[in-house]
Amino acid sequence: MSQIEWTPQGPVIELSELSCWHLLKEASFGRLAVTVDGRPDVFPIDFVVEERTILFRTAEGTKLRALEADPHVALESDERSAEAAWSVVLIGEAAPDRRERDPIRAARSPLPEWIPIADHTYVRITPTSVRGRSFQRHLTKAGRPTA
């Protein structure tokens, strides 16, 4: 069950794990936090959800080297409108997914490319935790809690 906490800006709703996965399935863009040379770094990625894991592709470079040195990652995805906003954070371990080397499957991939690069490595994040919150951005007087 979701819990509601009131703040001066309105209610903050802790989302269930099921709700978090539903939002991640609807999303396609997030921010991947990795450790690069002992320091945090964040990269924008496009991703898909497959069987409660996250799949994305990347080219050789800083991000892939960082994942190979330390597989612990965080993925944050969010959305906001004039009325509401949500944020989901997934913590897990990332590893290259060699099954995704199939060129036929890669050609049918729903993952859009940020930069057209011929040689991609698919990476799968296996989560250890998923949490999320949603927020009402504006409340009418009737929507505010009474004292």
N, C-alpha and C. Protein backbone atom coordinates (compact mmCIF):
# COMPACT_ATOMS: atom_id res chain seq x y z
N MET A 1 0.84 -1.18 0.00
CA MET A 1 0.00 0.00 0.00
C MET A 1 0.88 1.24 0.00
N SER A 2 0.50 2.22 -0.73
CA SER A 2 1.25 3.46 -0.79
C SER A 2 0.99 4.29 0.45
N GLN A 3 2.02 5.00 0.92
CA GLN A 3 1.88 5.89 2.06
C GLN A 3 1.90 7.32 1.56
N ILE A 4 1.12 8.18 2.23
CA ILE A 4 1.06 9.59 1.84
C ILE A 4 1.65 10.43 2.95
N GLU A 5 2.56 11.32 2.60
CA GLU A 5 3.16 12.26 3.54
C GLU A 5 2.87 13.66 3.01
N TRP A 6 2.33 14.52 3.85
CA TRP A 6 2.02 15.88 3.41
C TRP A 6 3.22 16.78 3.60
N THR A 7 3.49 17.58 2.60
CA THR A 7 4.54 18.59 2.67
C THR A 7 3.89 19.93 2.35
N PRO A 8 4.60 21.03 2.53
CA PRO A 8 4.01 22.33 2.15
C PRO A 8 3.60 22.39 0.68
N GLN A 9 4.24 21.56 -0.16
CA GLN A 9 3.90 21.56 -1.58
C GLN A 9 2.75 20.62 -1.91
N GLY A 10 2.34 19.79 -0.97
CA GLY A 10 1.27 18.82 -1.23
C GLY A 10 1.70 17.43 -0.82
N PRO A 11 0.92 16.43 -1.22
CA PRO A 11 1.23 15.07 -0.79
C PRO A 11 2.39 14.45 -1.58
N VAL A 12 3.22 13.72 -0.85
CA VAL A 12 4.26 12.90 -1.45
C VAL A 12 3.81 11.47 -1.24
N ILE A 13 3.65 10.73 -2.31
CA ILE A 13 3.15 9.36 -2.23
C ILE A 13 4.28 8.40 -2.53
N GLU A 14 4.58 7.54 -1.56
CA GLU A 14 5.56 6.48 -1.78
C GLU A 14 4.90 5.41 -2.65
N LEU A 15 5.50 5.10 -3.77
CA LEU A 15 4.90 4.16 -4.72
C LEU A 15 5.26 2.72 -4.38
N SER A 16 4.36 1.82 -4.69
CA SER A 16 4.64 0.40 -4.53
C SER A 16 5.64 -0.04 -5.60
N GLU A 17 6.28 -1.17 -5.38
CA GLU A 17 7.23 -1.68 -6.37
C GLU A 17 6.51 -1.95 -7.70
N LEU A 18 5.30 -2.47 -7.63
CA LEU A 18 4.53 -2.73 -8.85
C LEU A 18 4.27 -1.43 -9.61
N SER A 19 3.90 -0.37 -8.90
CA SER A 19 3.68 0.93 -9.55
C SER A 19 4.96 1.46 -10.18
N CYS A 20 6.08 1.27 -9.49
CA CYS A 20 7.37 1.71 -10.03
C CYS A 20 7.66 1.01 -11.35
N TRP A 21 7.46 -0.32 -11.39
CA TRP A 21 7.72 -1.05 -12.63
C TRP A 21 6.79 -0.61 -13.75
N HIS A 22 5.54 -0.34 -13.41
CA HIS A 22 4.59 0.14 -14.43
C HIS A 22 5.08 1.47 -15.03
N LEU A 23 5.53 2.38 -14.18
CA LEU A 23 6.03 3.67 -14.68
C LEU A 23 7.30 3.49 -15.51
N LEU A 24 8.20 2.61 -15.07
CA LEU A 24 9.42 2.37 -15.85
C LEU A 24 9.10 1.77 -17.22
N LYS A 25 8.09 0.89 -17.28
CA LYS A 25 7.70 0.31 -18.57
C LYS A 25 7.18 1.38 -19.53
N GLU A 26 6.50 2.37 -18.99
CA GLU A 26 5.95 3.45 -19.82
C GLU A 26 7.02 4.46 -20.21
N ALA A 27 8.07 4.54 -19.42
CA ALA A 27 9.16 5.49 -19.69
C ALA A 27 10.12 4.88 -20.71
N SER A 28 10.98 5.71 -21.24
CA SER A 28 12.01 5.19 -22.13
C SER A 28 13.33 5.92 -21.94
N PHE A 29 13.34 6.91 -21.06
CA PHE A 29 14.51 7.74 -20.86
C PHE A 29 14.82 7.84 -19.38
N GLY A 30 16.10 7.80 -19.05
CA GLY A 30 16.50 7.94 -17.66
C GLY A 30 17.93 8.43 -17.55
N ARG A 31 18.38 8.51 -16.32
CA ARG A 31 19.74 8.95 -16.02
C ARG A 31 20.44 7.84 -15.27
N LEU A 32 21.55 7.40 -15.80
CA LEU A 32 22.32 6.30 -15.22
C LEU A 32 23.47 6.87 -14.42
N ALA A 33 23.52 6.56 -13.12
CA ALA A 33 24.61 7.00 -12.25
C ALA A 33 25.61 5.85 -12.10
N VAL A 34 26.87 6.15 -12.37
CA VAL A 34 27.95 5.17 -12.28
C VAL A 34 29.11 5.81 -11.51
N THR A 35 30.10 5.00 -11.20
CA THR A 35 31.31 5.50 -10.56
C THR A 35 32.44 5.49 -11.58
N VAL A 36 33.04 6.66 -11.81
CA VAL A 36 34.15 6.80 -12.76
C VAL A 36 35.36 7.30 -11.97
N ASP A 37 36.38 6.47 -11.91
CA ASP A 37 37.60 6.83 -11.18
C ASP A 37 37.29 7.29 -9.75
N GLY A 38 36.41 6.57 -9.08
CA GLY A 38 36.09 6.87 -7.69
C GLY A 38 35.14 8.02 -7.47
N ARG A 39 34.60 8.59 -8.54
CA ARG A 39 33.68 9.73 -8.43
C ARG A 39 32.38 9.42 -9.16
N PRO A 40 31.26 9.97 -8.67
CA PRO A 40 29.99 9.73 -9.36
C PRO A 40 29.93 10.49 -10.69
N ASP A 41 29.24 9.87 -11.65
CA ASP A 41 28.97 10.52 -12.93
C ASP A 41 27.60 10.05 -13.39
N VAL A 42 26.95 10.85 -14.20
CA VAL A 42 25.58 10.56 -14.65
C VAL A 42 25.53 10.68 -16.16
N PHE A 43 24.85 9.70 -16.79
CA PHE A 43 24.71 9.66 -18.24
C PHE A 43 23.24 9.50 -18.61
N PRO A 44 22.75 10.23 -19.62
CA PRO A 44 21.39 10.01 -20.11
C PRO A 44 21.37 8.72 -20.93
N ILE A 45 20.32 7.92 -20.74
CA ILE A 45 20.18 6.70 -21.53
C ILE A 45 18.73 6.49 -21.92
N ASP A 46 18.54 5.80 -23.03
CA ASP A 46 17.24 5.24 -23.41
C ASP A 46 17.26 3.79 -22.97
N PHE A 47 16.13 3.29 -22.48
CA PHE A 47 16.10 1.93 -21.97
C PHE A 47 14.74 1.28 -22.22
N VAL A 48 14.70 -0.02 -22.06
CA VAL A 48 13.45 -0.78 -22.06
C VAL A 48 13.47 -1.69 -20.85
N VAL A 49 12.27 -2.05 -20.40
CA VAL A 49 12.12 -3.01 -19.30
C VAL A 49 11.87 -4.38 -19.92
N GLU A 50 12.66 -5.36 -19.49
CA GLU A 50 12.46 -6.75 -19.90
C GLU A 50 12.50 -7.63 -18.66
N GLU A 51 11.35 -8.21 -18.34
CA GLU A 51 11.26 -9.16 -17.23
C GLU A 51 11.90 -8.62 -15.96
N ARG A 52 11.49 -7.43 -15.56
CA ARG A 52 11.98 -6.77 -14.33
C ARG A 52 13.49 -6.57 -14.30
N THR A 53 14.04 -6.34 -15.48
CA THR A 53 15.41 -5.86 -15.61
C THR A 53 15.36 -4.68 -16.57
N ILE A 54 16.44 -3.92 -16.61
CA ILE A 54 16.55 -2.78 -17.51
C ILE A 54 17.59 -3.10 -18.56
N LEU A 55 17.25 -2.86 -19.82
CA LEU A 55 18.17 -3.11 -20.93
C LEU A 55 18.43 -1.79 -21.65
N PHE A 56 19.71 -1.49 -21.87
CA PHE A 56 20.08 -0.33 -22.67
C PHE A 56 21.30 -0.67 -23.49
N ARG A 57 21.62 0.18 -24.45
CA ARG A 57 22.81 -0.08 -25.24
C ARG A 57 23.73 1.14 -25.17
N THR A 58 25.01 0.84 -25.34
CA THR A 58 26.01 1.89 -25.27
C THR A 58 27.18 1.52 -26.17
N ALA A 59 27.96 2.50 -26.51
CA ALA A 59 29.18 2.26 -27.29
C ALA A 59 30.37 2.20 -26.34
N GLU A 60 31.51 1.80 -26.86
CA GLU A 60 32.73 1.82 -26.07
C GLU A 60 32.98 3.24 -25.57
N GLY A 61 33.45 3.36 -24.35
CA GLY A 61 33.75 4.68 -23.82
C GLY A 61 33.71 4.68 -22.30
N THR A 62 33.61 5.87 -21.75
CA THR A 62 33.67 6.07 -20.31
C THR A 62 32.62 5.26 -19.56
N LYS A 63 31.39 5.29 -20.05
CA LYS A 63 30.30 4.61 -19.35
C LYS A 63 30.56 3.11 -19.28
N LEU A 64 30.90 2.49 -20.38
CA LEU A 64 31.12 1.05 -20.41
C LEU A 64 32.33 0.67 -19.56
N ARG A 65 33.40 1.44 -19.64
CA ARG A 65 34.57 1.16 -18.80
C ARG A 65 34.21 1.27 -17.32
N ALA A 66 33.41 2.26 -16.97
CA ALA A 66 32.99 2.43 -15.57
C ALA A 66 32.18 1.24 -15.09
N LEU A 67 31.27 0.74 -15.94
CA LEU A 67 30.44 -0.41 -15.57
C LEU A 67 31.28 -1.67 -15.40
N GLU A 68 32.30 -1.81 -16.21
CA GLU A 68 33.17 -2.98 -16.09
C GLU A 68 34.03 -2.90 -14.82
N ALA A 69 34.41 -1.70 -14.40
CA ALA A 69 35.22 -1.52 -13.19
C ALA A 69 34.38 -1.65 -11.93
N ASP A 70 33.14 -1.15 -11.97
CA ASP A 70 32.24 -1.20 -10.81
C ASP A 70 30.81 -1.33 -11.33
N PRO A 71 30.21 -2.52 -11.20
CA PRO A 71 28.89 -2.74 -11.79
C PRO A 71 27.73 -2.11 -11.02
N HIS A 72 27.98 -1.54 -9.85
CA HIS A 72 26.90 -0.95 -9.05
C HIS A 72 26.44 0.36 -9.68
N VAL A 73 25.14 0.44 -9.96
CA VAL A 73 24.59 1.61 -10.65
C VAL A 73 23.27 2.03 -10.01
N ALA A 74 22.85 3.22 -10.36
CA ALA A 74 21.51 3.71 -10.05
C ALA A 74 20.93 4.26 -11.34
N LEU A 75 19.66 3.99 -11.55
CA LEU A 75 18.93 4.54 -12.70
C LEU A 75 17.78 5.35 -12.15
N GLU A 76 17.65 6.59 -12.61
CA GLU A 76 16.53 7.44 -12.22
C GLU A 76 15.76 7.81 -13.46
N SER A 77 14.44 7.69 -13.38
CA SER A 77 13.56 8.11 -14.47
C SER A 77 12.43 8.90 -13.84
N ASP A 78 11.93 9.90 -14.55
CA ASP A 78 10.87 10.73 -13.98
C ASP A 78 10.05 11.35 -15.09
N GLU A 79 8.97 11.95 -14.66
CA GLU A 79 8.11 12.69 -15.58
C GLU A 79 7.34 13.71 -14.77
N ARG A 80 7.02 14.82 -15.40
CA ARG A 80 6.20 15.80 -14.69
C ARG A 80 5.26 16.48 -15.66
N SER A 81 4.15 16.90 -15.12
CA SER A 81 3.17 17.67 -15.86
C SER A 81 2.81 18.87 -14.99
N ALA A 82 1.86 19.66 -15.43
CA ALA A 82 1.44 20.81 -14.64
C ALA A 82 0.80 20.37 -13.32
N GLU A 83 0.20 19.18 -13.30
CA GLU A 83 -0.52 18.72 -12.12
C GLU A 83 0.27 17.79 -11.20
N ALA A 84 1.12 16.96 -11.78
CA ALA A 84 1.76 15.92 -10.97
C ALA A 84 3.16 15.61 -11.49
N ALA A 85 3.91 14.89 -10.67
CA ALA A 85 5.24 14.45 -11.07
C ALA A 85 5.52 13.12 -10.38
N TRP A 86 6.41 12.34 -10.98
CA TRP A 86 6.85 11.10 -10.33
C TRP A 86 8.33 10.89 -10.61
N SER A 87 8.95 10.10 -9.74
CA SER A 87 10.35 9.75 -9.89
C SER A 87 10.53 8.33 -9.39
N VAL A 88 11.25 7.52 -10.15
CA VAL A 88 11.57 6.14 -9.76
C VAL A 88 13.09 5.99 -9.79
N VAL A 89 13.63 5.39 -8.73
CA VAL A 89 15.07 5.12 -8.65
C VAL A 89 15.25 3.62 -8.51
N LEU A 90 16.05 3.06 -9.39
CA LEU A 90 16.37 1.63 -9.38
C LEU A 90 17.86 1.51 -9.06
N ILE A 91 18.18 0.68 -8.08
CA ILE A 91 19.57 0.39 -7.72
C ILE A 91 19.85 -1.04 -8.16
N GLY A 92 21.01 -1.28 -8.74
CA GLY A 92 21.30 -2.64 -9.17
C GLY A 92 22.71 -2.80 -9.67
N GLU A 93 22.91 -3.92 -10.35
CA GLU A 93 24.22 -4.23 -10.93
C GLU A 93 24.06 -4.37 -12.44
N ALA A 94 24.97 -3.75 -13.16
CA ALA A 94 24.93 -3.75 -14.62
C ALA A 94 26.02 -4.65 -15.17
N ALA A 95 25.68 -5.35 -16.25
CA ALA A 95 26.66 -6.22 -16.92
C ALA A 95 26.32 -6.28 -18.40
N PRO A 96 27.34 -6.37 -19.25
CA PRO A 96 27.07 -6.56 -20.68
C PRO A 96 26.22 -7.80 -20.89
N ASP A 97 25.26 -7.70 -21.78
CA ASP A 97 24.36 -8.82 -22.08
C ASP A 97 24.74 -9.37 -23.44
N ARG A 98 25.49 -10.43 -23.44
CA ARG A 98 26.00 -11.00 -24.70
C ARG A 98 24.88 -11.60 -25.55
N ARG A 99 23.74 -11.92 -24.95
CA ARG A 99 22.61 -12.45 -25.73
C ARG A 99 22.09 -11.41 -26.72
N GLU A 100 22.32 -10.15 -26.42
CA GLU A 100 21.79 -9.08 -27.25
C GLU A 100 22.67 -8.78 -28.46
N ARG A 101 23.63 -9.61 -28.75
CA ARG A 101 24.48 -9.41 -29.93
C ARG A 101 23.79 -9.85 -31.22
N ASP A 102 22.64 -10.50 -31.11
CA ASP A 102 21.91 -10.97 -32.27
C ASP A 102 21.55 -9.77 -33.16
N PRO A 103 22.10 -9.66 -34.37
CA PRO A 103 21.85 -8.48 -35.21
C PRO A 103 20.40 -8.34 -35.65
N ILE A 104 19.69 -9.46 -35.78
CA ILE A 104 18.28 -9.37 -36.17
C ILE A 104 17.48 -8.75 -35.04
N ARG A 105 17.72 -9.23 -33.82
CA ARG A 105 17.02 -8.66 -32.68
C ARG A 105 17.41 -7.20 -32.49
N ALA A 106 18.67 -6.89 -32.66
CA ALA A 106 19.13 -5.52 -32.50
C ALA A 106 18.44 -4.59 -33.50
N ALA A 107 18.23 -5.07 -34.71
CA ALA A 107 17.57 -4.26 -35.74
C ALA A 107 16.12 -3.96 -35.37
N ARG A 108 15.49 -4.86 -34.61
CA ARG A 108 14.09 -4.67 -34.20
C ARG A 108 13.98 -3.99 -32.84
N SER A 109 15.09 -3.64 -32.24
CA SER A 109 15.09 -3.08 -30.89
C SER A 109 14.28 -1.80 -30.83
N PRO A 110 13.47 -1.65 -29.77
CA PRO A 110 12.72 -0.41 -29.60
C PRO A 110 13.58 0.72 -29.02
N LEU A 111 14.85 0.44 -28.78
CA LEU A 111 15.72 1.45 -28.19
C LEU A 111 16.15 2.47 -29.24
N PRO A 112 15.76 3.72 -29.08
CA PRO A 112 16.25 4.74 -30.01
C PRO A 112 17.72 5.01 -29.74
N GLU A 113 18.40 5.54 -30.72
CA GLU A 113 19.82 5.84 -30.57
C GLU A 113 20.02 7.33 -30.34
N TRP A 114 20.84 7.68 -29.38
CA TRP A 114 21.23 9.08 -29.18
C TRP A 114 22.16 9.50 -30.30
N ILE A 115 23.13 8.64 -30.58
CA ILE A 115 24.12 8.91 -31.61
C ILE A 115 24.19 7.66 -32.49
N PRO A 116 24.12 7.79 -33.81
CA PRO A 116 24.17 6.60 -34.67
C PRO A 116 25.57 5.98 -34.68
N ILE A 117 25.72 4.90 -33.94
CA ILE A 117 27.00 4.18 -33.86
C ILE A 117 26.72 2.74 -34.25
N ALA A 118 27.55 2.19 -35.11
CA ALA A 118 27.31 0.84 -35.63
C ALA A 118 27.51 -0.24 -34.58
N ASP A 119 28.51 -0.11 -33.72
CA ASP A 119 28.83 -1.19 -32.79
C ASP A 119 28.37 -0.84 -31.37
N HIS A 120 27.30 -1.48 -30.94
CA HIS A 120 26.75 -1.26 -29.61
C HIS A 120 27.04 -2.45 -28.71
N THR A 121 27.11 -2.18 -27.44
CA THR A 121 27.11 -3.23 -26.42
C THR A 121 25.81 -3.07 -25.65
N TYR A 122 25.05 -4.14 -25.54
CA TYR A 122 23.84 -4.11 -24.73
C TYR A 122 24.22 -4.38 -23.29
N VAL A 123 23.60 -3.65 -22.39
CA VAL A 123 23.87 -3.78 -20.96
C VAL A 123 22.56 -4.03 -20.25
N ARG A 124 22.57 -4.97 -19.32
CA ARG A 124 21.38 -5.29 -18.54
C ARG A 124 21.62 -4.95 -17.08
N ILE A 125 20.67 -4.24 -16.49
CA ILE A 125 20.73 -3.93 -15.06
C ILE A 125 19.79 -4.88 -14.33
N THR A 126 20.35 -5.63 -13.40
CA THR A 126 19.55 -6.50 -12.53
C THR A 126 19.35 -5.74 -11.22
N PRO A 127 18.11 -5.42 -10.88
CA PRO A 127 17.88 -4.55 -9.73
C PRO A 127 18.02 -5.28 -8.39
N THR A 128 18.48 -4.52 -7.40
CA THR A 128 18.46 -4.98 -6.01
C THR A 128 17.40 -4.23 -5.23
N SER A 129 17.01 -3.05 -5.72
CA SER A 129 15.90 -2.31 -5.11
C SER A 129 15.29 -1.36 -6.13
N VAL A 130 14.01 -1.11 -5.95
CA VAL A 130 13.27 -0.17 -6.79
C VAL A 130 12.36 0.62 -5.86
N ARG A 131 12.43 1.93 -5.97
CA ARG A 131 11.56 2.76 -5.13
C ARG A 131 11.13 3.99 -5.94
N GLY A 132 10.02 4.55 -5.54
CA GLY A 132 9.54 5.71 -6.27
C GLY A 132 8.59 6.55 -5.44
N ARG A 133 8.40 7.76 -5.91
CA ARG A 133 7.48 8.68 -5.26
C ARG A 133 6.74 9.47 -6.33
N SER A 134 5.53 9.85 -5.98
CA SER A 134 4.79 10.76 -6.86
C SER A 134 4.38 11.97 -6.03
N PHE A 135 4.14 13.06 -6.73
CA PHE A 135 3.86 14.33 -6.07
C PHE A 135 2.71 15.02 -6.79
N GLN A 136 1.83 15.65 -6.03
CA GLN A 136 0.89 16.57 -6.62
C GLN A 136 1.60 17.90 -6.65
N ARG A 137 1.63 18.56 -7.80
CA ARG A 137 2.40 19.80 -7.90
C ARG A 137 1.64 21.01 -7.42
N HIS A 138 0.32 21.02 -7.56
CA HIS A 138 -0.48 22.16 -7.13
C HIS A 138 -1.74 21.63 -6.47
N LEU A 139 -2.06 22.19 -5.33
CA LEU A 139 -3.27 21.78 -4.63
C LEU A 139 -4.23 22.95 -4.56
N THR A 140 -5.50 22.65 -4.71
CA THR A 140 -6.51 23.66 -4.46
C THR A 140 -6.67 23.76 -2.95
N LYS A 141 -7.33 24.80 -2.47
CA LYS A 141 -7.55 24.93 -1.03
C LYS A 141 -8.28 23.71 -0.50
N ALA A 142 -9.19 23.17 -1.29
CA ALA A 142 -9.95 21.99 -0.85
C ALA A 142 -9.04 20.77 -0.73
N GLY A 143 -7.93 20.74 -1.46
CA GLY A 143 -7.04 19.60 -1.43
C GLY A 143 -6.03 19.62 -0.31
N ARG A 144 -5.93 20.72 0.41
CA ARG A 144 -4.94 20.82 1.48
C ARG A 144 -5.48 20.18 2.76
N PRO A 145 -4.59 19.58 3.55
CA PRO A 145 -5.05 18.96 4.80
C PRO A 145 -5.50 20.03 5.78
N THR A 146 -6.44 19.67 6.61
CA THR A 146 -6.91 20.61 7.63
C THR A 146 -6.07 20.44 8.88
N ALA A 147 -5.95 21.51 9.65
CA ALA A 147 -5.12 21.48 10.86
C ALA A 147 -5.85 20.85 12.02
